[in-house]
Amino acid sequence: MSVLLLAGLLASVVTLTTVSVFCLRGEFRRAGQAIFRWGIGLAVYTAIIMVTALNPREAPLKIGAPYCDDDMCVSVESVTRMPQQDASSYRLGIRLFTRANHGPRSTN
């Protein structure tokens, strides 16, 4: 979970607990103010999430770039669009290799 999500959840729990205490004590004006501030925070949080989600990113896989886990690596060598009606069908040519300079290696 992201830090922003955890902070938002913690702030919501604290705010709702505080509002409950204010309501039990009969301090409805303070409870309303707390809910209003919480709503502003929710609007800011939602705006941050929307800006982040709509921010264009580069493709996560770059042709020829190695992606390694320990000594085992994979790289995308080619991407070919399949000539079918489905616009999201692609064929990937990949290369599996190792960075180890000694002994046999295998992967599942």
C-alpha atoms as a PDB file:
ATOM      1  CA  MET A   1       0.000   0.000   0.000  1.00  0.00           C
ATOM      2  CA  SER A   2       1.194   3.461  -0.700  1.00  0.00           C
ATOM      3  CA  VAL A   3       2.082   5.906   2.037  1.00  0.00           C
ATOM      4  CA  LEU A   4      -0.535   8.362   0.761  1.00  0.00           C
ATOM      5  CA  LEU A   5      -3.286   5.751   1.045  1.00  0.00           C
ATOM      6  CA  LEU A   6      -2.244   4.738   4.567  1.00  0.00           C
ATOM      7  CA  ALA A   7      -2.067   8.381   5.667  1.00  0.00           C
ATOM      8  CA  GLY A   8      -5.535   9.019   4.230  1.00  0.00           C
ATOM      9  CA  LEU A   9      -6.988   5.985   5.995  1.00  0.00           C
ATOM     10  CA  LEU A  10      -5.386   6.961   9.308  1.00  0.00           C
ATOM     11  CA  ALA A  11      -6.635  10.558   8.984  1.00  0.00           C
ATOM     12  CA  SER A  12     -10.149   9.285   8.214  1.00  0.00           C
ATOM     13  CA  VAL A  13     -10.220   6.986  11.241  1.00  0.00           C
ATOM     14  CA  VAL A  14      -8.945   9.743  13.544  1.00  0.00           C
ATOM     15  CA  THR A  15     -11.416  12.268  12.116  1.00  0.00           C
ATOM     16  CA  LEU A  16     -14.422   9.962  12.379  1.00  0.00           C
ATOM     17  CA  THR A  17     -13.469   9.032  15.948  1.00  0.00           C
ATOM     18  CA  THR A  18     -13.128  12.711  16.848  1.00  0.00           C
ATOM     19  CA  VAL A  19     -16.487  13.537  15.243  1.00  0.00           C
ATOM     20  CA  SER A  20     -18.121  10.722  17.200  1.00  0.00           C
ATOM     21  CA  VAL A  21     -16.701  12.078  20.461  1.00  0.00           C
ATOM     22  CA  PHE A  22     -17.853  15.603  19.601  1.00  0.00           C
ATOM     23  CA  CYS A  23     -21.368  14.338  18.864  1.00  0.00           C
ATOM     24  CA  LEU A  24     -21.534  12.365  22.131  1.00  0.00           C
ATOM     25  CA  ARG A  25     -20.501  15.501  24.036  1.00  0.00           C
ATOM     26  CA  GLY A  26     -23.104  17.586  22.237  1.00  0.00           C
ATOM     27  CA  GLU A  27     -20.542  19.719  20.386  1.00  0.00           C
ATOM     28  CA  PHE A  28     -22.245  19.532  17.003  1.00  0.00           C
ATOM     29  CA  ARG A  29     -20.644  22.715  15.671  1.00  0.00           C
ATOM     30  CA  ARG A  30     -17.129  21.345  16.232  1.00  0.00           C
ATOM     31  CA  ALA A  31     -18.206  18.016  14.728  1.00  0.00           C
ATOM     32  CA  GLY A  32     -19.462  19.845  11.629  1.00  0.00           C
ATOM     33  CA  GLN A  33     -16.205  21.778  11.332  1.00  0.00           C
ATOM     34  CA  ALA A  34     -14.207  18.565  11.594  1.00  0.00           C
ATOM     35  CA  ILE A  35     -16.331  16.891   8.899  1.00  0.00           C
ATOM     36  CA  PHE A  36     -15.957  19.977   6.674  1.00  0.00           C
ATOM     37  CA  ARG A  37     -12.140  19.888   7.012  1.00  0.00           C
ATOM     38  CA  TRP A  38     -12.156  16.146   6.390  1.00  0.00           C
ATOM     39  CA  GLY A  39     -14.164  16.757   3.188  1.00  0.00           C
ATOM     40  CA  ILE A  40     -11.600  19.304   2.003  1.00  0.00           C
ATOM     41  CA  GLY A  41      -8.844  16.767   2.666  1.00  0.00           C
ATOM     42  CA  LEU A  42     -10.800  14.118   0.772  1.00  0.00           C
ATOM     43  CA  ALA A  43     -11.176  16.475  -2.205  1.00  0.00           C
ATOM     44  CA  VAL A  44      -7.412  17.195  -2.216  1.00  0.00           C
ATOM     45  CA  TYR A  45      -6.635  13.475  -1.905  1.00  0.00           C
ATOM     46  CA  THR A  46      -8.970  12.681  -4.815  1.00  0.00           C
ATOM     47  CA  ALA A  47      -7.371  15.423  -6.926  1.00  0.00           C
ATOM     48  CA  ILE A  48      -3.892  14.013  -6.256  1.00  0.00           C
ATOM     49  CA  ILE A  49      -5.036  10.506  -7.232  1.00  0.00           C
ATOM     50  CA  MET A  50      -6.700  11.776 -10.431  1.00  0.00           C
ATOM     51  CA  VAL A  51      -3.646  13.813 -11.502  1.00  0.00           C
ATOM     52  CA  THR A  52      -1.392  10.831 -10.842  1.00  0.00           C
ATOM     53  CA  ALA A  53      -3.670   8.426 -12.743  1.00  0.00           C
ATOM     54  CA  LEU A  54      -3.992  10.729 -15.757  1.00  0.00           C
ATOM     55  CA  ASN A  55      -0.266  11.478 -15.941  1.00  0.00           C
ATOM     56  CA  PRO A  56       1.100   9.846 -19.116  1.00  0.00           C
ATOM     57  CA  ARG A  57       3.896   7.383 -18.513  1.00  0.00           C
ATOM     58  CA  GLU A  58       6.439   5.746 -20.727  1.00  0.00           C
ATOM     59  CA  ALA A  59       5.957   2.146 -21.764  1.00  0.00           C
ATOM     60  CA  PRO A  60       7.095  -0.188 -18.973  1.00  0.00           C
ATOM     61  CA  LEU A  61       8.845  -2.528 -21.421  1.00  0.00           C
ATOM     62  CA  LYS A  62      11.520  -1.128 -23.683  1.00  0.00           C
ATOM     63  CA  ILE A  63      12.851  -3.189 -26.575  1.00  0.00           C
ATOM     64  CA  GLY A  64      16.319  -4.515 -25.815  1.00  0.00           C
ATOM     65  CA  ALA A  65      16.354  -3.393 -22.163  1.00  0.00           C
ATOM     66  CA  PRO A  66      17.164  -6.225 -19.745  1.00  0.00           C
ATOM     67  CA  TYR A  67      14.868  -6.922 -16.794  1.00  0.00           C
ATOM     68  CA  CYS A  68      16.759  -8.990 -14.239  1.00  0.00           C
ATOM     69  CA  ASP A  69      15.968 -10.859 -11.042  1.00  0.00           C
ATOM     70  CA  ASP A  70      19.226 -11.879  -9.424  1.00  0.00           C
ATOM     71  CA  ASP A  71      21.228 -13.557 -12.227  1.00  0.00           C
ATOM     72  CA  MET A  72      18.306 -14.438 -14.514  1.00  0.00           C
ATOM     73  CA  CYS A  73      17.347 -11.828 -17.100  1.00  0.00           C
ATOM     74  CA  VAL A  74      14.780 -11.363 -19.853  1.00  0.00           C
ATOM     75  CA  SER A  75      14.649  -8.787 -22.611  1.00  0.00           C
ATOM     76  CA  VAL A  76      12.020  -8.030 -25.238  1.00  0.00           C
ATOM     77  CA  GLU A  77      13.612  -8.431 -28.651  1.00  0.00           C
ATOM     78  CA  SER A  78      10.635  -7.701 -30.911  1.00  0.00           C
ATOM     79  CA  VAL A  79       6.968  -6.736 -30.793  1.00  0.00           C
ATOM     80  CA  THR A  80       4.673  -7.685 -33.673  1.00  0.00           C
ATOM     81  CA  ARG A  81       1.000  -6.810 -33.919  1.00  0.00           C
ATOM     82  CA  MET A  82      -1.030  -9.878 -34.840  1.00  0.00           C
ATOM     83  CA  PRO A  83      -3.147  -9.510 -38.020  1.00  0.00           C
ATOM     84  CA  GLN A  84      -6.446 -10.356 -36.344  1.00  0.00           C
ATOM     85  CA  GLN A  85      -9.610  -8.442 -35.649  1.00  0.00           C
ATOM     86  CA  ASP A  86      -8.684  -8.010 -32.005  1.00  0.00           C
ATOM     87  CA  ALA A  87      -6.629  -4.803 -31.773  1.00  0.00           C
ATOM     88  CA  SER A  88      -4.844  -5.898 -28.608  1.00  0.00           C
ATOM     89  CA  SER A  89      -3.109  -9.046 -29.883  1.00  0.00           C
ATOM     90  CA  TYR A  90       0.678  -8.846 -30.018  1.00  0.00           C
ATOM     91  CA  ARG A  91       3.480 -11.367 -30.342  1.00  0.00           C
ATOM     92  CA  LEU A  92       6.558 -10.717 -28.214  1.00  0.00           C
ATOM     93  CA  GLY A  93       9.960 -12.119 -29.068  1.00  0.00           C
ATOM     94  CA  ILE A  94      11.914 -12.483 -25.829  1.00  0.00           C
ATOM     95  CA  ARG A  95      15.434 -13.489 -24.910  1.00  0.00           C
ATOM     96  CA  LEU A  96      16.207 -15.296 -21.644  1.00  0.00           C
ATOM     97  CA  PHE A  97      19.777 -15.074 -20.406  1.00  0.00           C
ATOM     98  CA  THR A  98      21.894 -15.048 -17.285  1.00  0.00           C
ATOM     99  CA  ARG A  99      24.443 -12.575 -15.969  1.00  0.00           C
ATOM    100  CA  ALA A 100      26.292 -15.338 -14.135  1.00  0.00           C
ATOM    101  CA  ASN A 101      29.713 -16.166 -15.511  1.00  0.00           C
ATOM    102  CA  HIS A 102      29.925 -19.626 -13.978  1.00  0.00           C
ATOM    103  CA  GLY A 103      28.001 -22.895 -13.727  1.00  0.00           C
ATOM    104  CA  PRO A 104      24.659 -23.960 -15.190  1.00  0.00           C
ATOM    105  CA  ARG A 105      21.531 -21.941 -14.443  1.00  0.00           C
ATOM    106  CA  SER A 106      17.845 -22.792 -14.708  1.00  0.00           C
ATOM    107  CA  THR A 107      14.526 -21.163 -13.925  1.00  0.00           C
ATOM    108  CA  ASN A 108      10.967 -22.378 -13.375  1.00  0.00           C
END
